[in-house]
């Protein structure tokens, strides 16, 4: 991949990323009422009104178990006890592209680069991003209450998403599958990740290092795989065709 090809693919990738991110934000805004934490935990969440929710007891017990496994581990080192009602300061959902550190190497040099996956997004409550959490953990003057607040926002969101199967199926049908990733440097904290069915690639290390030298930064963006566009499927169409093949295959038109 030469520099001209890299620039063309980067421009295309950013255009596709902007388009898909805009669509995803609209979908999340529409689905937000179904992702209310109170709809899962009911009276276990602090609120001025009472709302009995079926299955809330089980949901909170599962949250307690998850909290105990993460809170007591490094780098949190928090007391493991979690008592109701819990308070959430934010209910607004936001997304941010996923980033990771990659060590690019050639025969001449080695360089650590912050790589962005432009078609994968971390879902979080507004004001409680992972970057903000890491900044608090790096602060020697932090309080346990601050860390606990961030931890609970991520764990509650994970619990809600894992129980709202209808929402995850809708997003998957819209070509935004949902999955959970555990963050090893954050005590195995489960992170909710949404991605496009389009994949991205990381080119050869030589290309990455050359690009960072030209830009003057230690950052790089993955590039979209154009061939994935033609491979995108329509789940409903596939299900309907399978039904026709099973019931009356002779009615299918010839290819």
Protein backbone atom coordinates (compact mmCIF):
# COMPACT_ATOMS: atom_id res chain seq x y z
CA UNK A 1 0.00 0.00 0.00
CA UNK A 2 1.54 3.28 -1.10
CA UNK A 3 0.87 6.69 0.42
CA UNK A 4 -1.72 7.66 -2.21
CA UNK A 5 -3.71 4.48 -1.63
CA UNK A 6 -3.50 5.01 2.12
CA UNK A 7 -4.87 8.55 1.83
CA UNK A 8 -7.74 7.41 -0.41
CA UNK A 9 -8.69 4.58 1.93
CA UNK A 10 -8.43 6.83 4.99
CA UNK A 11 -10.74 9.41 3.41
CA UNK A 12 -13.25 6.70 2.48
CA UNK A 13 -13.02 5.11 5.93
CA UNK A 14 -13.77 8.40 7.66
CA UNK A 15 -16.76 9.06 5.40
CA UNK A 16 -18.17 5.58 6.10
CA UNK A 17 -17.45 5.93 9.82
CA UNK A 18 -19.25 9.30 9.99
CA UNK A 19 -22.26 7.86 8.17
CA UNK A 20 -22.54 4.72 10.32
CA UNK A 21 -21.86 6.52 13.57
CA UNK A 22 -24.64 8.98 12.79
CA UNK A 23 -27.04 6.12 12.09
CA UNK A 24 -26.04 4.27 15.26
CA UNK A 25 -26.57 7.36 17.41
CA UNK A 26 -30.07 7.76 15.98
CA UNK A 27 -30.87 4.11 16.68
CA UNK A 28 -29.61 4.39 20.27
CA UNK A 29 -31.68 7.53 20.85
CA UNK A 30 -34.77 5.68 19.66
CA UNK A 31 -34.00 2.59 21.75
CA UNK A 32 -32.94 4.53 24.86
CA UNK A 33 -36.29 4.07 26.70
CA UNK A 34 -35.77 0.29 26.47
CA UNK A 35 -32.29 0.63 27.97
CA UNK A 36 -33.31 2.42 31.14
CA UNK A 37 -31.57 0.85 34.11
CA UNK A 38 -34.73 1.23 36.18
CA UNK A 39 -36.59 -1.01 33.71
CA UNK A 40 -34.24 -3.82 34.80
CA UNK A 41 -33.44 -3.02 38.44
CA UNK A 42 -36.64 -1.30 39.57
CA UNK A 43 -36.57 -0.27 43.22
CA UNK A 44 -32.93 -1.31 43.57
CA UNK A 45 -32.07 2.01 41.91
CA UNK A 46 -32.37 5.24 43.87
CA UNK A 47 -35.42 7.18 42.71
CA UNK A 48 -38.16 9.43 44.07
CA UNK A 49 -40.79 7.09 42.63
CA UNK A 50 -41.42 3.40 43.22
CA UNK A 51 -41.42 1.03 40.28
CA UNK A 52 -41.77 -2.70 40.80
CA UNK A 53 -40.00 -4.66 38.06
CA UNK A 54 -40.30 -8.37 37.47
CA UNK A 55 -36.90 -10.06 37.73
CA UNK A 56 -35.28 -7.11 39.52
CA UNK A 57 -34.22 -9.31 42.47
CA UNK A 58 -32.29 -11.66 40.18
CA UNK A 59 -30.83 -8.76 38.20
CA UNK A 60 -29.49 -7.10 41.34
CA UNK A 61 -28.05 -10.33 42.74
CA UNK A 62 -26.20 -10.85 39.45
CA UNK A 63 -24.97 -7.25 39.60
CA UNK A 64 -23.74 -7.79 43.17
CA UNK A 65 -21.81 -10.88 42.11
CA UNK A 66 -20.27 -9.08 39.13
CA UNK A 67 -19.40 -6.05 41.25
CA UNK A 68 -17.65 -8.21 43.86
CA UNK A 69 -15.51 -9.92 41.22
CA UNK A 70 -14.38 -6.66 39.63
CA UNK A 71 -14.33 -4.14 42.49
CA UNK A 72 -11.96 -6.12 44.69
CA UNK A 73 -9.40 -6.61 41.90
CA UNK A 74 -6.65 -4.28 40.75
CA UNK A 75 -6.67 -1.42 39.87
CA UNK A 76 -9.90 -0.70 41.80
CA UNK A 77 -9.26 -2.35 45.18
CA UNK A 78 -12.69 -1.32 46.46
CA UNK A 79 -14.78 -2.87 49.24
CA UNK A 80 -16.81 -5.68 47.68
CA UNK A 81 -20.07 -4.89 49.43
CA UNK A 82 -22.84 -3.46 47.24
CA UNK A 83 -26.06 -2.49 48.99
CA UNK A 84 -29.24 -1.03 47.47
CA UNK A 85 -30.43 1.39 46.43
CA UNK A 86 -27.65 2.33 44.04
CA UNK A 87 -27.54 5.76 42.46
CA UNK A 88 -26.74 6.54 38.84
CA UNK A 89 -25.87 10.12 37.97
CA UNK A 90 -26.26 9.70 34.19
CA UNK A 91 -28.69 7.85 31.95
CA UNK A 92 -27.68 9.36 28.59
CA UNK A 93 -25.89 6.95 26.26
CA UNK A 94 -22.83 7.90 24.24
CA UNK A 95 -20.41 6.09 21.95
CA UNK A 96 -16.72 6.61 21.27
CA UNK A 97 -14.45 4.74 18.81
CA UNK A 98 -12.40 1.94 20.33
CA UNK A 99 -8.66 2.51 20.71
CA UNK A 100 -5.76 0.24 21.58
CA UNK A 101 -1.97 0.44 21.76
CA UNK A 102 -0.07 -1.42 19.05
CA UNK A 103 3.67 -1.97 18.79
CA UNK A 104 4.68 -1.54 15.13
CA UNK A 105 8.08 -2.93 14.17
CA UNK A 106 10.31 -2.87 11.11
CA UNK A 107 13.96 -3.77 10.62
CA UNK A 108 14.86 -0.12 11.19
CA UNK A 109 12.59 0.93 14.06
CA UNK A 110 9.92 0.04 16.60
CA UNK A 111 7.15 2.37 17.66
CA UNK A 112 4.13 2.26 19.96
CA UNK A 113 1.07 3.62 18.19
CA UNK A 114 -2.43 4.36 19.44
CA UNK A 115 -4.69 2.69 16.87
CA UNK A 116 -8.34 3.64 16.44
CA UNK A 117 -10.92 1.12 15.24
CA UNK A 118 -13.31 3.55 13.49
CA UNK A 119 -16.14 1.02 13.04
CA UNK A 120 -16.17 -0.23 16.65
CA UNK A 121 -17.65 1.89 19.40
CA UNK A 122 -17.64 1.63 23.19
CA UNK A 123 -21.07 2.31 24.70
CA UNK A 124 -21.11 4.22 28.00
CA UNK A 125 -23.13 6.63 30.09
CA UNK A 126 -22.37 10.28 29.37
CA UNK A 127 -19.61 11.57 31.63
CA UNK A 128 -18.30 8.08 32.45
CA UNK A 129 -15.97 7.16 29.61
CA UNK A 130 -13.06 4.74 30.01
CA UNK A 131 -10.57 7.56 29.44
CA UNK A 132 -12.10 9.47 32.35
CA UNK A 133 -11.99 6.35 34.49
CA UNK A 134 -8.31 5.83 33.72
CA UNK A 135 -7.60 9.47 34.57
CA UNK A 136 -9.26 9.03 37.97
CA UNK A 137 -7.35 5.82 38.65
CA UNK A 138 -4.10 7.65 37.86
CA UNK A 139 -4.96 10.40 40.37
CA UNK A 140 -3.40 9.73 43.75
CA UNK A 141 -5.98 11.97 45.39
CA UNK A 142 -8.95 10.03 44.06
CA UNK A 143 -11.63 8.76 46.39
CA UNK A 144 -13.16 5.31 46.49
CA UNK A 145 -16.54 6.94 45.91
CA UNK A 146 -15.40 8.36 42.56
CA UNK A 147 -14.06 5.03 41.37
CA UNK A 148 -17.15 3.18 42.59
CA UNK A 149 -19.40 5.62 40.72
CA UNK A 150 -17.63 4.98 37.41
CA UNK A 151 -17.51 1.25 38.00
CA UNK A 152 -21.23 1.03 38.71
CA UNK A 153 -22.20 2.96 35.59
CA UNK A 154 -20.32 0.48 33.38
CA UNK A 155 -21.54 -2.61 35.24
CA UNK A 156 -25.16 -1.48 35.25
CA UNK A 157 -25.05 -0.73 31.53
CA UNK A 158 -23.53 -4.15 30.88
CA UNK A 159 -26.27 -5.79 32.96
CA UNK A 160 -29.03 -3.92 31.14
CA UNK A 161 -27.69 -4.76 27.68
CA UNK A 162 -27.23 -8.42 28.57
CA UNK A 163 -30.91 -8.65 29.59
CA UNK A 164 -32.49 -6.71 26.76
CA UNK A 165 -32.21 -9.37 24.08
CA UNK A 166 -34.79 -7.64 21.92
CA UNK A 167 -32.64 -4.53 21.70
CA UNK A 168 -29.51 -6.45 20.80
CA UNK A 169 -31.41 -8.36 18.10
CA UNK A 170 -32.72 -5.10 16.64
CA UNK A 171 -29.22 -3.62 16.53
CA UNK A 172 -27.82 -6.78 14.95
CA UNK A 173 -30.51 -6.68 12.27
CA UNK A 174 -29.51 -3.07 11.61
CA UNK A 175 -25.91 -4.30 11.07
CA UNK A 176 -24.62 -3.17 14.48
CA UNK A 177 -23.96 -6.35 16.51
CA UNK A 178 -23.41 -5.97 20.26
CA UNK A 179 -20.79 -7.85 22.23
CA UNK A 180 -19.00 -7.67 25.56
CA UNK A 181 -15.24 -7.32 25.91
CA UNK A 182 -13.36 -7.65 29.17
CA UNK A 183 -10.70 -5.05 29.77
CA UNK A 184 -7.64 -6.78 31.29
CA UNK A 185 -5.98 -3.59 32.54
CA UNK A 186 -9.22 -2.64 34.33
CA UNK A 187 -9.67 -5.78 36.37
CA UNK A 188 -11.67 -7.59 33.69
CA UNK A 189 -14.31 -4.84 33.63
CA UNK A 190 -16.95 -5.84 31.03
CA UNK A 191 -17.27 -3.22 28.31
CA UNK A 192 -20.23 -3.02 25.92
CA UNK A 193 -19.02 -2.73 22.33
CA UNK A 194 -21.07 -2.04 19.22
CA UNK A 195 -19.54 -2.59 15.82
CA UNK A 196 -20.43 -2.41 12.17
CA UNK A 197 -20.73 -5.61 10.16
CA UNK A 198 -18.11 -3.98 7.94
CA UNK A 199 -14.65 -4.87 9.17
CA UNK A 200 -11.44 -2.86 9.16
CA UNK A 201 -7.83 -3.77 8.63
CA UNK A 202 -4.48 -2.69 9.99
CA UNK A 203 -1.93 -2.45 7.17
CA UNK A 204 1.71 -3.51 7.35
CA UNK A 205 3.81 -2.03 10.14
CA UNK A 206 5.96 -0.21 7.58
CA UNK A 207 2.89 1.68 6.37
CA UNK A 208 1.81 2.51 9.92
CA UNK A 209 5.20 3.87 10.94
CA UNK A 210 5.57 5.87 7.72
CA UNK A 211 2.10 7.35 8.21
CA UNK A 212 2.84 8.45 11.78
CA UNK A 213 6.12 10.02 10.68
CA UNK A 214 4.32 12.00 7.97
CA UNK A 215 1.54 13.12 10.33
CA UNK A 216 3.88 13.81 13.23
CA UNK A 217 1.67 11.88 15.68
CA UNK A 218 1.76 8.44 17.27
CA UNK A 219 -1.80 7.68 16.16
CA UNK A 220 -3.25 5.62 13.33
CA UNK A 221 -6.74 4.63 12.13
CA UNK A 222 -7.63 1.21 10.80
CA UNK A 223 -8.97 1.15 7.25
CA UNK A 224 -12.27 -0.23 5.97
CA UNK A 225 -12.31 -3.48 4.00
CA UNK A 226 -14.14 -2.39 0.86
CA UNK A 227 -14.91 -5.97 -0.19
CA UNK A 228 -17.12 -6.37 2.90
CA UNK A 229 -19.66 -3.93 1.44
CA UNK A 230 -20.68 -6.36 -1.31
CA UNK A 231 -20.87 -9.20 1.22
CA UNK A 232 -23.33 -7.50 3.55
CA UNK A 233 -26.34 -9.73 4.14
CA UNK A 234 -30.02 -9.12 4.71
CA UNK A 235 -31.02 -11.39 7.63
CA UNK A 236 -34.77 -11.17 6.92
CA UNK A 237 -34.27 -11.96 3.25
CA UNK A 238 -32.14 -14.98 4.13
CA UNK A 239 -34.73 -16.27 6.61
CA UNK A 240 -37.56 -15.88 4.10
CA UNK A 241 -35.61 -17.60 1.33
CA UNK A 242 -34.84 -20.49 3.67
CA UNK A 243 -38.55 -20.87 4.42
CA UNK A 244 -39.37 -20.91 0.71
CA UNK A 245 -36.62 -23.48 0.03
CA UNK A 246 -37.97 -25.73 2.77
CA UNK A 247 -41.67 -25.42 1.94
CA UNK A 248 -41.91 -24.90 -1.83
CA UNK A 249 -38.46 -24.87 -3.48
CA UNK A 250 -40.00 -25.02 -6.94
CA UNK A 251 -41.41 -21.53 -6.54
CA UNK A 252 -37.97 -19.91 -6.32
CA UNK A 253 -37.02 -18.06 -9.53
CA UNK A 254 -34.04 -19.41 -11.45
CA UNK A 255 -30.77 -17.58 -10.72
